[in-house]
């Protein structure tokens, strides 16, 4: 899954244009903060059950990292 900022970067690359690295990283960080804050406000917890006995819960920040493959 891609974030809106990642999609935007691809659009620039497809046209042969560039986005300054610092600007892209800052946009990713702001987007991440917004997603995590929203999840916290909505008390979002993602439940993933791997079997009938064990359920793993992810807080919004963990869900973001898992979904968007972001380790920062």
Protein backbone atom coordinates (compact mmCIF):
# COMPACT_ATOMS: atom_id res chain seq x y z
CA UNK A 1 0.00 0.00 0.00
CA UNK A 2 1.25 3.48 -0.82
CA UNK A 3 0.67 6.73 0.96
CA UNK A 4 -0.45 9.83 -0.94
CA UNK A 5 3.03 11.29 -0.63
CA UNK A 6 4.63 8.14 -2.07
CA UNK A 7 2.14 8.21 -4.96
CA UNK A 8 2.93 11.87 -5.63
CA UNK A 9 6.66 11.11 -5.76
CA UNK A 10 6.03 8.38 -8.35
CA UNK A 11 4.04 10.84 -10.47
CA UNK A 12 6.99 13.22 -10.52
CA UNK A 13 9.42 10.42 -11.36
CA UNK A 14 7.18 9.19 -14.21
CA UNK A 15 7.39 12.67 -15.73
CA UNK A 16 11.14 12.79 -15.26
CA UNK A 17 10.91 15.47 -12.59
CA UNK A 18 12.44 15.37 -9.14
CA UNK A 19 11.39 16.38 -5.66
CA UNK A 20 14.14 17.60 -3.34
CA UNK A 21 14.95 14.76 -0.94
CA UNK A 22 14.50 16.87 2.18
CA UNK A 23 11.07 18.04 1.05
CA UNK A 24 9.94 14.49 0.31
CA UNK A 25 11.16 13.18 3.67
CA UNK A 26 9.48 16.04 5.53
CA UNK A 27 6.20 15.37 3.70
CA UNK A 28 6.42 11.67 4.62
CA UNK A 29 6.99 12.52 8.28
CA UNK A 30 4.07 14.96 8.36
CA UNK A 31 1.81 12.43 6.66
CA UNK A 32 2.86 9.72 9.12
CA UNK A 33 2.17 12.00 12.10
CA UNK A 34 -1.27 12.86 10.71
CA UNK A 35 -2.19 9.20 10.19
CA UNK A 36 -1.02 8.20 13.67
CA UNK A 37 -2.78 11.16 15.31
CA UNK A 38 -5.99 10.30 13.50
CA UNK A 39 -5.75 6.68 14.62
CA UNK A 40 -5.21 7.74 18.20
CA UNK A 41 -8.14 10.16 18.09
CA UNK A 42 -10.39 7.47 16.70
CA UNK A 43 -8.98 4.95 19.17
CA UNK A 44 -8.01 2.79 16.24
CA UNK A 45 -6.52 -0.57 17.08
CA UNK A 46 -6.03 -3.13 14.34
CA UNK A 47 -6.66 -6.69 15.47
CA UNK A 48 -5.09 -9.50 13.49
CA UNK A 49 -5.91 -13.04 14.53
CA UNK A 50 -3.44 -15.68 13.40
CA UNK A 51 -5.30 -18.51 15.03
CA UNK A 52 -8.25 -18.99 17.37
CA UNK A 53 -6.15 -18.68 20.52
CA UNK A 54 -3.86 -15.71 19.85
CA UNK A 55 -4.86 -12.22 18.77
CA UNK A 56 -2.24 -9.61 18.08
CA UNK A 57 -3.07 -5.94 18.40
CA UNK A 58 -1.33 -3.09 16.65
CA UNK A 59 -1.43 0.46 17.88
CA UNK A 60 -1.79 3.12 15.16
CA UNK A 61 1.98 3.66 14.85
CA UNK A 62 2.64 -0.09 14.54
CA UNK A 63 -0.16 -0.41 11.99
CA UNK A 64 1.35 2.46 9.95
CA UNK A 65 4.78 0.83 9.97
CA UNK A 66 3.36 -2.57 8.98
CA UNK A 67 1.03 -1.22 6.30
CA UNK A 68 3.36 1.30 4.68
CA UNK A 69 6.63 -0.49 5.38
CA UNK A 70 8.01 2.54 7.16
CA UNK A 71 10.49 1.93 9.94
CA UNK A 72 11.05 5.56 10.86
